[in-house]
Amino acid sequence: MGEAAELCRLSAWVHGRVQGVGFRWWTRSRALELGLTGHATNARDGRVHVVAEGPRDDCERLLELLRSGDTPGRVTLVVESWEPARGDLTGFEER
């Protein structure tokens, strides 16, 4: 194990037509498949804020999926930031 197993927190602001289309449910399903914890939350401005914690490789895979074009709705931009895992999340919920 090396850096690949490093735990981190991904914060991703997803822009586009991503509310009211099952996007948070889809994101939750992908995150749980990857074994990540966190949440997907609708923002008032129409974006969805995705916070996920787990191994860096798995968080990067979730980010790839968010940008893949295979999501519900239409993603036009994903703005990401990274920080060390805080370990304060359990499960993955839609908010």
PDB file of N, CA and C in Angstrom:
ATOM      1  N   MET A   1       0.848  -1.179   0.000  1.00  0.00           N
ATOM      2  CA  MET A   1       0.000   0.000   0.000  1.00  0.00           C
ATOM      3  C   MET A   1       0.888   1.235   0.000  1.00  0.00           C
ATOM      4  N   GLY A   2       0.538   2.188  -0.757  1.00  0.00           N
ATOM      5  CA  GLY A   2       1.290   3.426  -0.764  1.00  0.00           C
ATOM      6  C   GLY A   2       0.314   4.566  -0.867  1.00  0.00           C
ATOM      7  N   GLU A   3       0.618   5.490  -1.748  1.00  0.00           N
ATOM      8  CA  GLU A   3      -0.261   6.634  -1.914  1.00  0.00           C
ATOM      9  C   GLU A   3      -1.627   6.217  -2.438  1.00  0.00           C
ATOM     10  N   ALA A   4      -1.696   5.110  -3.157  1.00  0.00           N
ATOM     11  CA  ALA A   4      -2.964   4.665  -3.725  1.00  0.00           C
ATOM     12  C   ALA A   4      -4.009   4.448  -2.630  1.00  0.00           C
ATOM     13  N   ALA A   5      -3.559   4.066  -1.435  1.00  0.00           N
ATOM     14  CA  ALA A   5      -4.486   3.781  -0.341  1.00  0.00           C
ATOM     15  C   ALA A   5      -4.719   5.001   0.544  1.00  0.00           C
ATOM     16  N   GLU A   6      -4.097   6.122   0.199  1.00  0.00           N
ATOM     17  CA  GLU A   6      -4.267   7.342   0.971  1.00  0.00           C
ATOM     18  C   GLU A   6      -5.745   7.725   1.017  1.00  0.00           C
ATOM     19  N   LEU A   7      -6.249   8.008   2.208  1.00  0.00           N
ATOM     20  CA  LEU A   7      -7.645   8.415   2.335  1.00  0.00           C
ATOM     21  C   LEU A   7      -7.754   9.908   2.123  1.00  0.00           C
ATOM     22  N   CYS A   8      -8.767  10.313   1.374  1.00  0.00           N
ATOM     23  CA  CYS A   8      -8.929  11.729   1.088  1.00  0.00           C
ATOM     24  C   CYS A   8     -10.411  12.078   1.037  1.00  0.00           C
ATOM     25  N   ARG A   9     -10.664  13.374   0.937  1.00  0.00           N
ATOM     26  CA  ARG A   9     -12.030  13.880   0.795  1.00  0.00           C
ATOM     27  C   ARG A   9     -12.099  14.667  -0.516  1.00  0.00           C
ATOM     28  N   LEU A  10     -13.006  14.244  -1.368  1.00  0.00           N
ATOM     29  CA  LEU A  10     -13.280  14.939  -2.623  1.00  0.00           C
ATOM     30  C   LEU A  10     -14.512  15.813  -2.422  1.00  0.00           C
ATOM     31  N   SER A  11     -14.406  17.060  -2.825  1.00  0.00           N
ATOM     32  CA  SER A  11     -15.562  17.956  -2.870  1.00  0.00           C
ATOM     33  C   SER A  11     -15.732  18.348  -4.331  1.00  0.00           C
ATOM     34  N   ALA A  12     -16.895  18.020  -4.907  1.00  0.00           N
ATOM     35  CA  ALA A  12     -17.124  18.293  -6.325  1.00  0.00           C
ATOM     36  C   ALA A  12     -18.439  19.048  -6.502  1.00  0.00           C
ATOM     37  N   TRP A  13     -18.359  20.219  -7.119  1.00  0.00           N
ATOM     38  CA  TRP A  13     -19.550  20.995  -7.463  1.00  0.00           C
ATOM     39  C   TRP A  13     -19.897  20.667  -8.899  1.00  0.00           C
ATOM     40  N   VAL A  14     -21.076  20.069  -9.084  1.00  0.00           N
ATOM     41  CA  VAL A  14     -21.487  19.603 -10.410  1.00  0.00           C
ATOM     42  C   VAL A  14     -22.490  20.600 -10.995  1.00  0.00           C
ATOM     43  N   HIS A  15     -22.140  21.156 -12.159  1.00  0.00           N
ATOM     44  CA  HIS A  15     -22.969  22.149 -12.837  1.00  0.00           C
ATOM     45  C   HIS A  15     -23.705  21.490 -14.001  1.00  0.00           C
ATOM     46  N   GLY A  16     -24.835  22.053 -14.385  1.00  0.00           N
ATOM     47  CA  GLY A  16     -25.594  21.558 -15.529  1.00  0.00           C
ATOM     48  C   GLY A  16     -27.041  21.319 -15.124  1.00  0.00           C
ATOM     49  N   ARG A  17     -27.708  20.442 -15.878  1.00  0.00           N
ATOM     50  CA  ARG A  17     -29.085  20.071 -15.532  1.00  0.00           C
ATOM     51  C   ARG A  17     -28.994  18.803 -14.703  1.00  0.00           C
ATOM     52  N   VAL A  18     -28.812  18.995 -13.381  1.00  0.00           N
ATOM     53  CA  VAL A  18     -28.519  17.860 -12.503  1.00  0.00           C
ATOM     54  C   VAL A  18     -29.481  17.758 -11.315  1.00  0.00           C
ATOM     55  N   GLN A  19     -30.511  18.587 -11.291  1.00  0.00           N
ATOM     56  CA  GLN A  19     -31.521  18.466 -10.235  1.00  0.00           C
ATOM     57  C   GLN A  19     -32.833  18.001 -10.867  1.00  0.00           C
ATOM     58  N   GLY A  20     -33.538  17.123 -10.137  1.00  0.00           N
ATOM     59  CA  GLY A  20     -34.820  16.627 -10.617  1.00  0.00           C
ATOM     60  C   GLY A  20     -34.699  15.573 -11.702  1.00  0.00           C
ATOM     61  N   VAL A  21     -33.513  14.986 -11.845  1.00  0.00           N
ATOM     62  CA  VAL A  21     -33.283  13.999 -12.911  1.00  0.00           C
ATOM     63  C   VAL A  21     -32.714  12.682 -12.373  1.00  0.00           C
ATOM     64  N   GLY A  22     -32.680  12.517 -11.047  1.00  0.00           N
ATOM     65  CA  GLY A  22     -32.135  11.299 -10.450  1.00  0.00           C
ATOM     66  C   GLY A  22     -30.636  11.315 -10.295  1.00  0.00           C
ATOM     67  N   PHE A  23     -30.026  12.493 -10.424  1.00  0.00           N
ATOM     68  CA  PHE A  23     -28.563  12.598 -10.368  1.00  0.00           C
ATOM     69  C   PHE A  23     -28.001  12.216  -9.002  1.00  0.00           C
ATOM     70  N   ARG A  24     -28.629  12.702  -7.930  1.00  0.00           N
ATOM     71  CA  ARG A  24     -28.111  12.381  -6.583  1.00  0.00           C
ATOM     72  C   ARG A  24     -28.240  10.887  -6.303  1.00  0.00           C
ATOM     73  N   TRP A  25     -29.349  10.286  -6.697  1.00  0.00           N
ATOM     74  CA  TRP A  25     -29.541   8.842  -6.508  1.00  0.00           C
ATOM     75  C   TRP A  25     -28.469   8.077  -7.271  1.00  0.00           C
ATOM     76  N   TRP A  26     -28.220   8.467  -8.519  1.00  0.00           N
ATOM     77  CA  TRP A  26     -27.209   7.819  -9.362  1.00  0.00           C
ATOM     78  C   TRP A  26     -25.824   7.959  -8.719  1.00  0.00           C
ATOM     79  N   THR A  27     -25.519   9.167  -8.239  1.00  0.00           N
ATOM     80  CA  THR A  27     -24.223   9.412  -7.602  1.00  0.00           C
ATOM     81  C   THR A  27     -24.058   8.553  -6.356  1.00  0.00           C
ATOM     82  N   ARG A  28     -25.119   8.472  -5.549  1.00  0.00           N
ATOM     83  CA  ARG A  28     -25.080   7.645  -4.337  1.00  0.00           C
ATOM     84  C   ARG A  28     -24.801   6.192  -4.705  1.00  0.00           C
ATOM     85  N   SER A  29     -25.463   5.674  -5.729  1.00  0.00           N
ATOM     86  CA  SER A  29     -25.266   4.280  -6.154  1.00  0.00           C
ATOM     87  C   SER A  29     -23.822   4.036  -6.572  1.00  0.00           C
ATOM     88  N   ARG A  30     -23.251   4.942  -7.364  1.00  0.00           N
ATOM     89  CA  ARG A  30     -21.856   4.783  -7.804  1.00  0.00           C
ATOM     90  C   ARG A  30     -20.910   4.857  -6.608  1.00  0.00           C
ATOM     91  N   ALA A  31     -21.150   5.796  -5.697  1.00  0.00           N
ATOM     92  CA  ALA A  31     -20.269   5.953  -4.535  1.00  0.00           C
ATOM     93  C   ALA A  31     -20.302   4.706  -3.658  1.00  0.00           C
ATOM     94  N   LEU A  32     -21.501   4.149  -3.437  1.00  0.00           N
ATOM     95  CA  LEU A  32     -21.608   2.946  -2.617  1.00  0.00           C
ATOM     96  C   LEU A  32     -20.917   1.764  -3.292  1.00  0.00           C
ATOM     97  N   GLU A  33     -21.023   1.659  -4.611  1.00  0.00           N
ATOM     98  CA  GLU A  33     -20.311   0.597  -5.339  1.00  0.00           C
ATOM     99  C   GLU A  33     -18.807   0.711  -5.128  1.00  0.00           C
ATOM    100  N   LEU A  34     -18.308   1.940  -5.003  1.00  0.00           N
ATOM    101  CA  LEU A  34     -16.874   2.173  -4.808  1.00  0.00           C
ATOM    102  C   LEU A  34     -16.468   2.114  -3.337  1.00  0.00           C
ATOM    103  N   GLY A  35     -17.454   1.968  -2.447  1.00  0.00           N
ATOM    104  CA  GLY A  35     -17.158   1.880  -1.017  1.00  0.00           C
ATOM    105  C   GLY A  35     -16.868   3.213  -0.365  1.00  0.00           C
ATOM    106  N   LEU A  36     -17.361   4.301  -0.956  1.00  0.00           N
ATOM    107  CA  LEU A  36     -17.103   5.637  -0.435  1.00  0.00           C
ATOM    108  C   LEU A  36     -18.198   6.077   0.530  1.00  0.00           C
ATOM    109  N   THR A  37     -17.861   6.993   1.418  1.00  0.00           N
ATOM    110  CA  THR A  37     -18.850   7.615   2.294  1.00  0.00           C
ATOM    111  C   THR A  37     -19.021   9.069   1.863  1.00  0.00           C
ATOM    112  N   GLY A  38     -20.160   9.656   2.223  1.00  0.00           N
ATOM    113  CA  GLY A  38     -20.362  11.063   1.892  1.00  0.00           C
ATOM    114  C   GLY A  38     -21.806  11.402   1.629  1.00  0.00           C
ATOM    115  N   HIS A  39     -22.000  12.398   0.759  1.00  0.00           N
ATOM    116  CA  HIS A  39     -23.357  12.835   0.433  1.00  0.00           C
ATOM    117  C   HIS A  39     -23.375  13.591  -0.886  1.00  0.00           C
ATOM    118  N   ALA A  40     -24.562  13.647  -1.483  1.00  0.00           N
ATOM    119  CA  ALA A  40     -24.827  14.455  -2.671  1.00  0.00           C
ATOM    120  C   ALA A  40     -25.994  15.366  -2.310  1.00  0.00           C
ATOM    121  N   THR A  41     -25.766  16.667  -2.409  1.00  0.00           N
ATOM    122  CA  THR A  41     -26.719  17.654  -1.903  1.00  0.00           C
ATOM    123  C   THR A  41     -27.091  18.655  -2.989  1.00  0.00           C
ATOM    124  N   ASN A  42     -28.400  18.907  -3.160  1.00  0.00           N
ATOM    125  CA  ASN A  42     -28.840  19.951  -4.083  1.00  0.00           C
ATOM    126  C   ASN A  42     -28.504  21.317  -3.503  1.00  0.00           C
ATOM    127  N   ALA A  43     -27.954  22.191  -4.341  1.00  0.00           N
ATOM    128  CA  ALA A  43     -27.701  23.575  -3.939  1.00  0.00           C
ATOM    129  C   ALA A  43     -28.817  24.454  -4.516  1.00  0.00           C
ATOM    130  N   ARG A  44     -29.050  25.582  -3.888  1.00  0.00           N
ATOM    131  CA  ARG A  44     -30.133  26.474  -4.332  1.00  0.00           C
ATOM    132  C   ARG A  44     -29.940  26.964  -5.761  1.00  0.00           C
ATOM    133  N   ASP A  45     -28.685  27.068  -6.205  1.00  0.00           N
ATOM    134  CA  ASP A  45     -28.412  27.620  -7.540  1.00  0.00           C
ATOM    135  C   ASP A  45     -28.495  26.591  -8.662  1.00  0.00           C
ATOM    136  N   GLY A  46     -28.935  25.359  -8.335  1.00  0.00           N
ATOM    137  CA  GLY A  46     -29.106  24.348  -9.379  1.00  0.00           C
ATOM    138  C   GLY A  46     -27.965  23.356  -9.485  1.00  0.00           C
ATOM    139  N   ARG A  47     -26.879  23.609  -8.764  1.00  0.00           N
ATOM    140  CA  ARG A  47     -25.766  22.657  -8.779  1.00  0.00           C
ATOM    141  C   ARG A  47     -26.037  21.542  -7.780  1.00  0.00           C
ATOM    142  N   VAL A  48     -25.224  20.475  -7.874  1.00  0.00           N
ATOM    143  CA  VAL A  48     -25.216  19.421  -6.865  1.00  0.00           C
ATOM    144  C   VAL A  48     -23.813  19.388  -6.272  1.00  0.00           C
ATOM    145  N   HIS A  49     -23.740  19.369  -4.934  1.00  0.00           N
ATOM    146  CA  HIS A  49     -22.461  19.297  -4.238  1.00  0.00           C
ATOM    147  C   HIS A  49     -22.247  17.853  -3.792  1.00  0.00           C
ATOM    148  N   VAL A  50     -21.194  17.242  -4.294  1.00  0.00           N
ATOM    149  CA  VAL A  50     -20.858  15.867  -3.951  1.00  0.00           C
ATOM    150  C   VAL A  50     -19.637  15.889  -3.039  1.00  0.00           C
ATOM    151  N   VAL A  51     -19.769  15.272  -1.873  1.00  0.00           N
ATOM    152  CA  VAL A  51     -18.638  15.116  -0.955  1.00  0.00           C
ATOM    153  C   VAL A  51     -18.449  13.616  -0.763  1.00  0.00           C
ATOM    154  N   ALA A  52     -17.238  13.131  -1.019  1.00  0.00           N
ATOM    155  CA  ALA A  52     -16.962  11.699  -0.895  1.00  0.00           C
ATOM    156  C   ALA A  52     -15.624  11.496  -0.221  1.00  0.00           C
ATOM    157  N   GLU A  53     -15.581  10.510   0.685  1.00  0.00           N
ATOM    158  CA  GLU A  53     -14.335  10.149   1.358  1.00  0.00           C
ATOM    159  C   GLU A  53     -14.029   8.681   1.135  1.00  0.00           C
ATOM    160  N   GLY A  54     -12.741   8.402   0.994  1.00  0.00           N
ATOM    161  CA  GLY A  54     -12.271   7.037   0.832  1.00  0.00           C
ATOM    162  C   GLY A  54     -10.896   7.060   0.208  1.00  0.00           C
ATOM    163  N   PRO A  55     -10.431   5.891  -0.268  1.00  0.00           N
ATOM    164  CA  PRO A  55      -9.128   5.843  -0.936  1.00  0.00           C
ATOM    165  C   PRO A  55      -9.098   6.790  -2.140  1.00  0.00           C
ATOM    166  N   ARG A  56      -7.979   7.470  -2.337  1.00  0.00           N
ATOM    167  CA  ARG A  56      -7.840   8.457  -3.418  1.00  0.00           C
ATOM    168  C   ARG A  56      -8.243   7.867  -4.771  1.00  0.00           C
ATOM    169  N   ASP A  57      -7.810   6.641  -5.073  1.00  0.00           N
ATOM    170  CA  ASP A  57      -8.133   6.029  -6.370  1.00  0.00           C
ATOM    171  C   ASP A  57      -9.637   5.917  -6.576  1.00  0.00           C
ATOM    172  N   ASP A  58     -10.361   5.547  -5.516  1.00  0.00           N
ATOM    173  CA  ASP A  58     -11.810   5.384  -5.635  1.00  0.00           C
ATOM    174  C   ASP A  58     -12.504   6.738  -5.771  1.00  0.00           C
ATOM    175  N   CYS A  59     -12.015   7.750  -5.084  1.00  0.00           N
ATOM    176  CA  CYS A  59     -12.568   9.095  -5.238  1.00  0.00           C
ATOM    177  C   CYS A  59     -12.321   9.620  -6.650  1.00  0.00           C
ATOM    178  N   GLU A  60     -11.130   9.337  -7.190  1.00  0.00           N
ATOM    179  CA  GLU A  60     -10.832   9.762  -8.555  1.00  0.00           C
ATOM    180  C   GLU A  60     -11.733   9.048  -9.554  1.00  0.00           C
ATOM    181  N   ARG A  61     -12.039   7.779  -9.296  1.00  0.00           N
ATOM    182  CA  ARG A  61     -12.956   7.031 -10.169  1.00  0.00           C
ATOM    183  C   ARG A  61     -14.348   7.654 -10.130  1.00  0.00           C
ATOM    184  N   LEU A  62     -14.835   8.036  -8.944  1.00  0.00           N
ATOM    185  CA  LEU A  62     -16.130   8.700  -8.851  1.00  0.00           C
ATOM    186  C   LEU A  62     -16.114  10.007  -9.640  1.00  0.00           C
ATOM    187  N   LEU A  63     -15.034  10.759  -9.529  1.00  0.00           N
ATOM    188  CA  LEU A  63     -14.909  12.010 -10.279  1.00  0.00           C
ATOM    189  C   LEU A  63     -14.974  11.744 -11.783  1.00  0.00           C
ATOM    190  N   GLU A  64     -14.293  10.692 -12.247  1.00  0.00           N
ATOM    191  CA  GLU A  64     -14.361  10.309 -13.667  1.00  0.00           C
ATOM    192  C   GLU A  64     -15.799  10.007 -14.072  1.00  0.00           C
ATOM    193  N   LEU A  65     -16.522   9.286 -13.211  1.00  0.00           N
ATOM    194  CA  LEU A  65     -17.915   8.940 -13.519  1.00  0.00           C
ATOM    195  C   LEU A  65     -18.788  10.192 -13.589  1.00  0.00           C
ATOM    196  N   LEU A  66     -18.557  11.147 -12.674  1.00  0.00           N
ATOM    197  CA  LEU A  66     -19.331  12.396 -12.702  1.00  0.00           C
ATOM    198  C   LEU A  66     -19.119  13.149 -14.007  1.00  0.00           C
ATOM    199  N   ARG A  67     -17.922  13.012 -14.587  1.00  0.00           N
ATOM    200  CA  ARG A  67     -17.569  13.725 -15.821  1.00  0.00           C
ATOM    201  C   ARG A  67     -17.789  12.881 -17.078  1.00  0.00           C
ATOM    202  N   SER A  68     -18.308  11.663 -16.925  1.00  0.00           N
ATOM    203  CA  SER A  68     -18.316  10.687 -18.017  1.00  0.00           C
ATOM    204  C   SER A  68     -19.324  10.963 -19.125  1.00  0.00           C
ATOM    205  N   GLY A  69     -20.356  11.758 -18.841  1.00  0.00           N
ATOM    206  CA  GLY A  69     -21.416  11.920 -19.832  1.00  0.00           C
ATOM    207  C   GLY A  69     -22.472  10.832 -19.724  1.00  0.00           C
ATOM    208  N   ASP A  70     -22.275   9.874 -18.812  1.00  0.00           N
ATOM    209  CA  ASP A  70     -23.236   8.770 -18.631  1.00  0.00           C
ATOM    210  C   ASP A  70     -24.129   8.995 -17.416  1.00  0.00           C
ATOM    211  N   THR A  71     -24.187  10.226 -16.917  1.00  0.00           N
ATOM    212  CA  THR A  71     -24.995  10.541 -15.740  1.00  0.00           C
ATOM    213  C   THR A  71     -26.418  10.882 -16.161  1.00  0.00           C
ATOM    214  N   PRO A  72     -27.363  10.830 -15.229  1.00  0.00           N
ATOM    215  CA  PRO A  72     -28.689  11.385 -15.527  1.00  0.00           C
ATOM    216  C   PRO A  72     -28.554  12.898 -15.734  1.00  0.00           C
ATOM    217  N   GLY A  73     -29.443  13.481 -16.510  1.00  0.00           N
ATOM    218  CA  GLY A  73     -29.378  14.916 -16.750  1.00  0.00           C
ATOM    219  C   GLY A  73     -28.232  15.253 -17.679  1.00  0.00           C
ATOM    220  N   ARG A  74     -27.650  16.426 -17.482  1.00  0.00           N
ATOM    221  CA  ARG A  74     -26.550  16.868 -18.341  1.00  0.00           C
ATOM    222  C   ARG A  74     -25.554  17.646 -17.507  1.00  0.00           C
ATOM    223  N   VAL A  75     -24.356  17.104 -17.373  1.00  0.00           N
ATOM    224  CA  VAL A  75     -23.282  17.762 -16.623  1.00  0.00           C
ATOM    225  C   VAL A  75     -22.494  18.641 -17.585  1.00  0.00           C
ATOM    226  N   THR A  76     -22.352  19.925 -17.236  1.00  0.00           N
ATOM    227  CA  THR A  76     -21.577  20.827 -18.084  1.00  0.00           C
ATOM    228  C   THR A  76     -20.204  21.137 -17.500  1.00  0.00           C
ATOM    229  N   LEU A  77     -20.059  20.988 -16.173  1.00  0.00           N
ATOM    230  CA  LEU A  77     -18.794  21.316 -15.524  1.00  0.00           C
ATOM    231  C   LEU A  77     -18.757  20.656 -14.158  1.00  0.00           C
ATOM    232  N   VAL A  78     -17.576  20.159 -13.776  1.00  0.00           N
ATOM    233  CA  VAL A  78     -17.375  19.649 -12.423  1.00  0.00           C
ATOM    234  C   VAL A  78     -16.135  20.341 -11.866  1.00  0.00           C
ATOM    235  N   VAL A  79     -16.322  21.072 -10.770  1.00  0.00           N
ATOM    236  CA  VAL A  79     -15.220  21.773 -10.119  1.00  0.00           C
ATOM    237  C   VAL A  79     -14.861  20.987  -8.862  1.00  0.00           C
ATOM    238  N   GLU A  80     -13.625  20.509  -8.810  1.00  0.00           N
ATOM    239  CA  GLU A  80     -13.205  19.621  -7.723  1.00  0.00           C
ATOM    240  C   GLU A  80     -12.224  20.309  -6.793  1.00  0.00           C
ATOM    241  N   SER A  81     -12.221  19.853  -5.543  1.00  0.00           N
ATOM    242  CA  SER A  81     -11.156  20.213  -4.606  1.00  0.00           C
ATOM    243  C   SER A  81     -10.901  18.995  -3.732  1.00  0.00           C
ATOM    244  N   TRP A  82      -9.691  18.931  -3.201  1.00  0.00           N
ATOM    245  CA  TRP A  82      -9.249  17.770  -2.424  1.00  0.00           C
ATOM    246  C   TRP A  82      -8.728  18.222  -1.072  1.00  0.00           C
ATOM    247  N   GLU A  83      -8.924  17.384  -0.084  1.00  0.00           N
ATOM    248  CA  GLU A  83      -8.345  17.625   1.230  1.00  0.00           C
ATOM    249  C   GLU A  83      -8.180  16.276   1.922  1.00  0.00           C
ATOM    250  N   PRO A  84      -7.461  16.233   3.027  1.00  0.00           N
ATOM    251  CA  PRO A  84      -7.336  14.968   3.755  1.00  0.00           C
ATOM    252  C   PRO A  84      -8.706  14.520   4.277  1.00  0.00           C
ATOM    253  N   ALA A  85      -8.891  13.216   4.374  1.00  0.00           N
ATOM    254  CA  ALA A  85     -10.142  12.669   4.921  1.00  0.00           C
ATOM    255  C   ALA A  85     -10.296  13.138   6.364  1.00  0.00           C
ATOM    256  N   ARG A  86     -11.533  13.409   6.752  1.00  0.00           N
ATOM    257  CA  ARG A  86     -11.815  13.806   8.135  1.00  0.00           C
ATOM    258  C   ARG A  86     -12.330  12.630   8.949  1.00  0.00           C
ATOM    259  N   GLY A  87     -12.886  11.619   8.266  1.00  0.00           N
ATOM    260  CA  GLY A  87     -13.392  10.442   8.959  1.00  0.00           C
ATOM    261  C   GLY A  87     -14.697  10.661   9.705  1.00  0.00           C
ATOM    262  N   ASP A  88     -15.431  11.717   9.331  1.00  0.00           N
ATOM    263  CA  ASP A  88     -16.661  12.054  10.043  1.00  0.00           C
ATOM    264  C   ASP A  88     -17.935  11.658   9.270  1.00  0.00           C
ATOM    265  N   LEU A  89     -17.784  10.883   8.205  1.00  0.00           N
ATOM    266  CA  LEU A  89     -18.929  10.510   7.374  1.00  0.00           C
ATOM    267  C   LEU A  89     -19.220   9.022   7.507  1.00  0.00           C
ATOM    268  N   THR A  90     -20.499   8.675   7.498  1.00  0.00           N
ATOM    269  CA  THR A  90     -20.895   7.260   7.458  1.00  0.00           C
ATOM    270  C   THR A  90     -21.952   7.114   6.398  1.00  0.00           C
ATOM    271  N   GLY A  91     -21.877   6.018   5.633  1.00  0.00           N
ATOM    272  CA  GLY A  91     -22.822   5.801   4.560  1.00  0.00           C
ATOM    273  C   GLY A  91     -22.689   6.860   3.474  1.00  0.00           C
ATOM    274  N   PHE A  92     -23.636   6.873   2.549  1.00  0.00           N
ATOM    275  CA  PHE A  92     -23.654   7.912   1.503  1.00  0.00           C
ATOM    276  C   PHE A  92     -25.103   8.306   1.322  1.00  0.00           C
ATOM    277  N   GLU A  93     -25.410   9.567   1.571  1.00  0.00           N
ATOM    278  CA  GLU A  93     -26.813   9.964   1.548  1.00  0.00           C
ATOM    279  C   GLU A  93     -27.102  11.057   0.525  1.00  0.00           C
ATOM    280  N   GLU A  94     -28.359  11.086   0.113  1.00  0.00           N
ATOM    281  CA  GLU A  94     -28.875  12.163  -0.711  1.00  0.00           C
ATOM    282  C   GLU A  94     -29.451  13.204   0.228  1.00  0.00           C
ATOM    283  N   ARG A  95     -29.103  14.443   0.021  1.00  0.00           N
ATOM    284  CA  ARG A  95     -29.621  15.525   0.885  1.00  0.00           C
ATOM    285  C   ARG A  95     -30.361  16.535   0.042  1.00  0.00           C
TER     286      ARG A  95
END
